[in-house]
Amino acid sequence: MDHSPRFLRIVNETKARIRELSVAQVRERLDKGEPFALIDVREDREWDEGHVKGAAHIGRGVLERDIERAFPEMETEIVLYCGGGFRSALAADMLQRMGYTRVYSMDGGWRAWNDTGGPTEGAKR
């Protein structure tokens, strides 16, 4: 995907303020049954085309509006992912600003998940 330089600058600045987990780390935690919320912040169309098995969907456009209803406890551990890890980084930053204390962005997002053969559900990989 071809991103503008200004967008990439904002993402890079944001990544300095948030915590990230690799796909391998997220898969390991899922395999161990560790409790955390895995949230896909992609657009509805992207979600419908396939997503990480067991993930919840709260699109980036409504995340700030809907997150507290879905996860009212600010200590809830939340891992966000998007297509490549940029939107989820921005979303993690926003959730931290809202007071969530255990938020992560999955580096590489959906594309990296598929590249490593992670379990999926939905229409297609």
N, C-alpha and C. Protein backbone atom coordinates (compact mmCIF):
# COMPACT_ATOMS: atom_id res chain seq x y z
N MET A 1 0.84 -1.18 0.00
CA MET A 1 0.00 0.00 0.00
C MET A 1 0.89 1.24 0.00
N ASP A 2 0.48 2.22 -0.74
CA ASP A 2 1.26 3.45 -0.88
C ASP A 2 0.69 4.51 0.05
N HIS A 3 1.39 4.79 1.14
CA HIS A 3 0.94 5.77 2.12
C HIS A 3 1.69 7.08 1.93
N SER A 4 0.99 8.18 2.23
CA SER A 4 1.62 9.49 2.08
C SER A 4 2.69 9.69 3.15
N PRO A 5 3.69 10.50 2.86
CA PRO A 5 4.75 10.77 3.83
C PRO A 5 4.22 11.38 5.13
N ARG A 6 3.23 12.24 5.05
CA ARG A 6 2.69 12.86 6.26
C ARG A 6 2.00 11.82 7.15
N PHE A 7 1.25 10.94 6.52
CA PHE A 7 0.59 9.87 7.27
C PHE A 7 1.64 8.99 7.96
N LEU A 8 2.66 8.60 7.22
CA LEU A 8 3.71 7.76 7.79
C LEU A 8 4.45 8.46 8.92
N ARG A 9 4.65 9.75 8.82
CA ARG A 9 5.29 10.51 9.90
C ARG A 9 4.43 10.46 11.16
N ILE A 10 3.13 10.65 11.00
CA ILE A 10 2.22 10.60 12.16
C ILE A 10 2.24 9.20 12.77
N VAL A 11 2.20 8.19 11.94
CA VAL A 11 2.22 6.81 12.46
C VAL A 11 3.52 6.55 13.21
N ASN A 12 4.64 6.95 12.65
CA ASN A 12 5.93 6.73 13.33
C ASN A 12 6.01 7.47 14.65
N GLU A 13 5.50 8.69 14.70
CA GLU A 13 5.46 9.43 15.96
C GLU A 13 4.58 8.71 16.98
N THR A 14 3.46 8.20 16.50
CA THR A 14 2.52 7.48 17.37
C THR A 14 3.15 6.19 17.91
N LYS A 15 3.85 5.47 17.05
CA LYS A 15 4.45 4.20 17.49
C LYS A 15 5.46 4.39 18.61
N ALA A 16 5.99 5.58 18.74
CA ALA A 16 6.92 5.85 19.84
C ALA A 16 6.18 5.96 21.18
N ARG A 17 4.86 6.14 21.14
CA ARG A 17 4.06 6.31 22.36
C ARG A 17 3.28 5.08 22.76
N ILE A 18 3.24 4.08 21.91
CA ILE A 18 2.40 2.91 22.20
C ILE A 18 3.27 1.66 22.33
N ARG A 19 2.62 0.57 22.70
CA ARG A 19 3.30 -0.73 22.77
C ARG A 19 2.77 -1.60 21.64
N GLU A 20 3.66 -2.39 21.07
CA GLU A 20 3.29 -3.29 19.99
C GLU A 20 3.63 -4.72 20.37
N LEU A 21 2.86 -5.65 19.82
CA LEU A 21 3.14 -7.07 19.93
C LEU A 21 3.31 -7.60 18.52
N SER A 22 4.19 -8.56 18.36
CA SER A 22 4.34 -9.21 17.06
C SER A 22 3.20 -10.21 16.86
N VAL A 23 3.01 -10.63 15.63
CA VAL A 23 2.03 -11.67 15.34
C VAL A 23 2.36 -12.92 16.14
N ALA A 24 3.62 -13.29 16.22
CA ALA A 24 4.02 -14.48 16.98
C ALA A 24 3.63 -14.36 18.45
N GLN A 25 3.82 -13.18 19.03
CA GLN A 25 3.45 -12.98 20.43
C GLN A 25 1.94 -13.11 20.63
N VAL A 26 1.16 -12.55 19.72
CA VAL A 26 -0.30 -12.64 19.83
C VAL A 26 -0.74 -14.08 19.66
N ARG A 27 -0.19 -14.78 18.68
CA ARG A 27 -0.56 -16.19 18.48
C ARG A 27 -0.21 -17.04 19.69
N GLU A 28 0.95 -16.80 20.27
CA GLU A 28 1.36 -17.55 21.46
C GLU A 28 0.38 -17.32 22.60
N ARG A 29 -0.02 -16.08 22.80
CA ARG A 29 -0.96 -15.76 23.88
C ARG A 29 -2.32 -16.39 23.63
N LEU A 30 -2.76 -16.39 22.37
CA LEU A 30 -4.03 -17.04 22.04
C LEU A 30 -3.93 -18.55 22.27
N ASP A 31 -2.83 -19.15 21.83
CA ASP A 31 -2.62 -20.59 22.00
C ASP A 31 -2.63 -20.99 23.48
N LYS A 32 -2.12 -20.13 24.34
CA LYS A 32 -2.09 -20.39 25.77
C LYS A 32 -3.42 -20.10 26.45
N GLY A 33 -4.35 -19.49 25.72
CA GLY A 33 -5.65 -19.16 26.29
C GLY A 33 -5.61 -17.96 27.22
N GLU A 34 -4.61 -17.11 27.07
CA GLU A 34 -4.52 -15.92 27.91
C GLU A 34 -5.69 -14.99 27.61
N PRO A 35 -6.27 -14.41 28.66
CA PRO A 35 -7.43 -13.55 28.45
C PRO A 35 -7.04 -12.14 28.00
N PHE A 36 -7.54 -11.73 26.85
CA PHE A 36 -7.40 -10.36 26.37
C PHE A 36 -8.40 -10.18 25.24
N ALA A 37 -8.72 -8.93 24.96
CA ALA A 37 -9.64 -8.61 23.87
C ALA A 37 -8.83 -8.38 22.61
N LEU A 38 -9.13 -9.11 21.57
CA LEU A 38 -8.50 -8.94 20.27
C LEU A 38 -9.50 -8.23 19.38
N ILE A 39 -9.18 -7.02 18.95
CA ILE A 39 -10.13 -6.19 18.22
C ILE A 39 -9.59 -5.81 16.85
N ASP A 40 -10.38 -6.11 15.85
CA ASP A 40 -10.10 -5.74 14.46
C ASP A 40 -10.69 -4.35 14.25
N VAL A 41 -9.86 -3.38 13.89
CA VAL A 41 -10.33 -2.00 13.70
C VAL A 41 -10.47 -1.64 12.22
N ARG A 42 -10.42 -2.65 11.34
CA ARG A 42 -10.55 -2.38 9.91
C ARG A 42 -12.00 -2.01 9.56
N GLU A 43 -12.19 -1.61 8.33
CA GLU A 43 -13.52 -1.26 7.83
C GLU A 43 -14.40 -2.51 7.76
N ASP A 44 -15.71 -2.31 7.77
CA ASP A 44 -16.66 -3.42 7.72
C ASP A 44 -16.38 -4.35 6.54
N ARG A 45 -16.13 -3.78 5.37
CA ARG A 45 -15.86 -4.56 4.17
C ARG A 45 -14.65 -5.48 4.37
N GLU A 46 -13.60 -4.95 5.00
CA GLU A 46 -12.39 -5.74 5.25
C GLU A 46 -12.69 -6.89 6.21
N TRP A 47 -13.43 -6.58 7.26
CA TRP A 47 -13.82 -7.59 8.24
C TRP A 47 -14.60 -8.72 7.56
N ASP A 48 -15.57 -8.34 6.73
CA ASP A 48 -16.41 -9.33 6.05
C ASP A 48 -15.61 -10.25 5.14
N GLU A 49 -14.49 -9.76 4.62
CA GLU A 49 -13.66 -10.57 3.72
C GLU A 49 -12.81 -11.59 4.47
N GLY A 50 -12.74 -11.50 5.78
CA GLY A 50 -11.98 -12.43 6.61
C GLY A 50 -11.30 -11.70 7.74
N HIS A 51 -11.11 -12.41 8.85
CA HIS A 51 -10.52 -11.81 10.04
C HIS A 51 -9.90 -12.89 10.92
N VAL A 52 -9.13 -12.43 11.91
CA VAL A 52 -8.49 -13.35 12.84
C VAL A 52 -9.56 -14.11 13.61
N LYS A 53 -9.41 -15.40 13.68
CA LYS A 53 -10.38 -16.24 14.37
C LYS A 53 -10.51 -15.79 15.83
N GLY A 54 -11.75 -15.53 16.24
CA GLY A 54 -12.02 -15.14 17.61
C GLY A 54 -11.97 -13.65 17.89
N ALA A 55 -11.60 -12.86 16.90
CA ALA A 55 -11.50 -11.41 17.10
C ALA A 55 -12.90 -10.78 17.15
N ALA A 56 -12.98 -9.65 17.80
CA ALA A 56 -14.18 -8.81 17.78
C ALA A 56 -13.94 -7.70 16.77
N HIS A 57 -15.01 -7.09 16.30
CA HIS A 57 -14.87 -6.03 15.31
C HIS A 57 -15.45 -4.73 15.85
N ILE A 58 -14.60 -3.72 15.95
CA ILE A 58 -15.03 -2.35 16.21
C ILE A 58 -14.21 -1.49 15.26
N GLY A 59 -14.84 -1.05 14.20
CA GLY A 59 -14.14 -0.29 13.16
C GLY A 59 -13.49 0.98 13.71
N ARG A 60 -12.40 1.36 13.10
CA ARG A 60 -11.65 2.54 13.51
C ARG A 60 -12.53 3.79 13.57
N GLY A 61 -13.48 3.89 12.67
CA GLY A 61 -14.34 5.07 12.62
C GLY A 61 -15.29 5.22 13.79
N VAL A 62 -15.56 4.12 14.51
CA VAL A 62 -16.49 4.18 15.64
C VAL A 62 -15.85 3.71 16.95
N LEU A 63 -14.56 3.44 16.92
CA LEU A 63 -13.88 2.88 18.08
C LEU A 63 -14.05 3.72 19.34
N GLU A 64 -13.73 5.00 19.24
CA GLU A 64 -13.80 5.86 20.43
C GLU A 64 -15.23 5.95 20.96
N ARG A 65 -16.19 5.91 20.07
CA ARG A 65 -17.59 5.98 20.47
C ARG A 65 -18.06 4.70 21.16
N ASP A 66 -17.60 3.54 20.69
CA ASP A 66 -18.17 2.27 21.13
C ASP A 66 -17.33 1.47 22.11
N ILE A 67 -16.06 1.81 22.30
CA ILE A 67 -15.17 0.97 23.10
C ILE A 67 -15.62 0.84 24.55
N GLU A 68 -16.07 1.92 25.15
CA GLU A 68 -16.43 1.85 26.57
C GLU A 68 -17.65 0.98 26.81
N ARG A 69 -18.55 0.93 25.85
CA ARG A 69 -19.72 0.07 25.99
C ARG A 69 -19.28 -1.40 25.93
N ALA A 70 -18.36 -1.70 25.04
CA ALA A 70 -17.89 -3.07 24.87
C ALA A 70 -16.93 -3.49 25.98
N PHE A 71 -16.07 -2.57 26.41
CA PHE A 71 -15.03 -2.86 27.40
C PHE A 71 -14.96 -1.70 28.40
N PRO A 72 -15.85 -1.69 29.39
CA PRO A 72 -15.91 -0.54 30.30
C PRO A 72 -14.73 -0.43 31.27
N GLU A 73 -14.04 -1.52 31.53
CA GLU A 73 -12.92 -1.50 32.49
C GLU A 73 -11.66 -0.98 31.81
N MET A 74 -11.10 0.08 32.33
CA MET A 74 -9.92 0.69 31.73
C MET A 74 -8.68 -0.21 31.81
N GLU A 75 -8.72 -1.23 32.65
CA GLU A 75 -7.58 -2.15 32.79
C GLU A 75 -7.69 -3.36 31.86
N THR A 76 -8.76 -3.43 31.07
CA THR A 76 -8.91 -4.54 30.14
C THR A 76 -7.71 -4.57 29.19
N GLU A 77 -7.14 -5.74 29.02
CA GLU A 77 -6.04 -5.86 28.07
C GLU A 77 -6.62 -5.97 26.67
N ILE A 78 -6.17 -5.09 25.79
CA ILE A 78 -6.71 -4.98 24.44
C ILE A 78 -5.57 -5.03 23.43
N VAL A 79 -5.72 -5.91 22.43
CA VAL A 79 -4.79 -5.96 21.30
C VAL A 79 -5.59 -5.58 20.07
N LEU A 80 -5.14 -4.55 19.38
CA LEU A 80 -5.80 -4.05 18.18
C LEU A 80 -5.02 -4.47 16.95
N TYR A 81 -5.74 -4.73 15.86
CA TYR A 81 -5.05 -4.95 14.59
C TYR A 81 -5.86 -4.36 13.45
N CYS A 82 -5.15 -4.07 12.37
CA CYS A 82 -5.76 -3.55 11.14
C CYS A 82 -5.10 -4.30 9.98
N GLY A 83 -5.05 -3.69 8.82
CA GLY A 83 -4.47 -4.35 7.66
C GLY A 83 -2.97 -4.53 7.76
N GLY A 84 -2.26 -3.50 8.23
CA GLY A 84 -0.81 -3.57 8.28
C GLY A 84 -0.17 -3.05 9.55
N GLY A 85 -0.96 -2.58 10.50
CA GLY A 85 -0.43 -2.12 11.77
C GLY A 85 -0.38 -0.61 11.94
N PHE A 86 -0.82 0.14 10.95
CA PHE A 86 -0.78 1.60 11.06
C PHE A 86 -2.03 2.14 11.74
N ARG A 87 -3.21 1.77 11.24
CA ARG A 87 -4.46 2.24 11.86
C ARG A 87 -4.58 1.75 13.29
N SER A 88 -4.12 0.52 13.53
CA SER A 88 -4.22 0.00 14.91
C SER A 88 -3.27 0.74 15.84
N ALA A 89 -2.15 1.21 15.33
CA ALA A 89 -1.24 2.02 16.16
C ALA A 89 -1.93 3.34 16.54
N LEU A 90 -2.56 3.98 15.56
CA LEU A 90 -3.28 5.23 15.84
C LEU A 90 -4.42 4.98 16.82
N ALA A 91 -5.11 3.85 16.65
CA ALA A 91 -6.21 3.51 17.55
C ALA A 91 -5.71 3.23 18.97
N ALA A 92 -4.57 2.55 19.09
CA ALA A 92 -4.00 2.28 20.41
C ALA A 92 -3.65 3.58 21.12
N ASP A 93 -3.10 4.51 20.40
CA ASP A 93 -2.77 5.80 20.97
C ASP A 93 -4.03 6.49 21.50
N MET A 94 -5.09 6.45 20.74
CA MET A 94 -6.34 7.08 21.16
C MET A 94 -6.92 6.40 22.41
N LEU A 95 -6.88 5.07 22.44
CA LEU A 95 -7.41 4.38 23.63
C LEU A 95 -6.59 4.70 24.86
N GLN A 96 -5.29 4.82 24.70
CA GLN A 96 -4.46 5.24 25.84
C GLN A 96 -4.87 6.63 26.30
N ARG A 97 -5.13 7.53 25.37
CA ARG A 97 -5.56 8.88 25.72
C ARG A 97 -6.91 8.86 26.43
N MET A 98 -7.74 7.86 26.12
CA MET A 98 -9.04 7.73 26.77
C MET A 98 -8.92 7.12 28.16
N GLY A 99 -7.75 6.60 28.51
CA GLY A 99 -7.54 6.05 29.85
C GLY A 99 -7.30 4.55 29.92
N TYR A 100 -7.35 3.86 28.78
CA TYR A 100 -7.05 2.43 28.79
C TYR A 100 -5.55 2.25 29.05
N THR A 101 -5.23 1.33 29.94
CA THR A 101 -3.85 1.21 30.41
C THR A 101 -3.10 0.00 29.86
N ARG A 102 -3.80 -0.93 29.22
CA ARG A 102 -3.16 -2.16 28.73
C ARG A 102 -3.52 -2.39 27.27
N VAL A 103 -3.08 -1.48 26.42
CA VAL A 103 -3.43 -1.50 25.00
C VAL A 103 -2.18 -1.78 24.17
N TYR A 104 -2.35 -2.61 23.15
CA TYR A 104 -1.26 -2.96 22.24
C TYR A 104 -1.77 -2.91 20.80
N SER A 105 -0.87 -2.66 19.89
CA SER A 105 -1.14 -2.78 18.46
C SER A 105 -0.35 -3.98 17.94
N MET A 106 -1.00 -4.80 17.11
CA MET A 106 -0.32 -5.95 16.54
C MET A 106 0.45 -5.50 15.30
N ASP A 107 1.76 -5.52 15.40
CA ASP A 107 2.64 -5.07 14.32
C ASP A 107 2.44 -5.96 13.09
N GLY A 108 2.24 -5.36 11.95
CA GLY A 108 2.06 -6.11 10.71
C GLY A 108 0.62 -6.42 10.39
N GLY A 109 -0.25 -6.41 11.38
CA GLY A 109 -1.67 -6.56 11.19
C GLY A 109 -2.11 -7.83 10.46
N TRP A 110 -3.24 -7.69 9.78
CA TRP A 110 -3.88 -8.80 9.07
C TRP A 110 -2.96 -9.42 8.03
N ARG A 111 -2.22 -8.59 7.31
CA ARG A 111 -1.33 -9.14 6.28
C ARG A 111 -0.27 -10.05 6.90
N ALA A 112 0.34 -9.62 7.99
CA ALA A 112 1.35 -10.44 8.66
C ALA A 112 0.73 -11.69 9.26
N TRP A 113 -0.50 -11.56 9.78
CA TRP A 113 -1.21 -12.71 10.34
C TRP A 113 -1.38 -13.78 9.26
N ASN A 114 -1.82 -13.38 8.09
CA ASN A 114 -2.01 -14.32 6.99
C ASN A 114 -0.69 -14.89 6.50
N ASP A 115 0.32 -14.04 6.45
CA ASP A 115 1.63 -14.51 5.98
C ASP A 115 2.19 -15.62 6.85
N THR A 116 1.82 -15.63 8.13
CA THR A 116 2.33 -16.65 9.05
C THR A 116 1.34 -17.81 9.21
N GLY A 117 0.24 -17.77 8.48
CA GLY A 117 -0.72 -18.88 8.53
C GLY A 117 -1.58 -18.88 9.78
N GLY A 118 -1.79 -17.72 10.38
CA GLY A 118 -2.64 -17.64 11.56
C GLY A 118 -4.07 -18.05 11.26
N PRO A 119 -4.78 -18.61 12.24
CA PRO A 119 -6.16 -19.04 12.02
C PRO A 119 -7.08 -17.86 11.72
N THR A 120 -7.93 -18.05 10.71
CA THR A 120 -8.85 -17.02 10.29
C THR A 120 -10.26 -17.58 10.19
N GLU A 121 -11.20 -16.67 10.07
CA GLU A 121 -12.57 -17.05 9.78
C GLU A 121 -13.18 -15.95 8.91
N GLY A 122 -14.29 -16.25 8.31
CA GLY A 122 -14.90 -15.28 7.41
C GLY A 122 -14.74 -15.75 5.98
N ALA A 123 -14.98 -14.84 5.06
CA ALA A 123 -15.09 -15.20 3.65
C ALA A 123 -13.83 -15.81 3.06
N LYS A 124 -12.67 -15.19 3.28
CA LYS A 124 -11.46 -15.71 2.64
C LYS A 124 -10.22 -15.17 3.33
N ARG A 125 -9.10 -15.74 3.05
CA ARG A 125 -7.80 -15.28 3.55
C ARG A 125 -7.27 -14.18 2.73
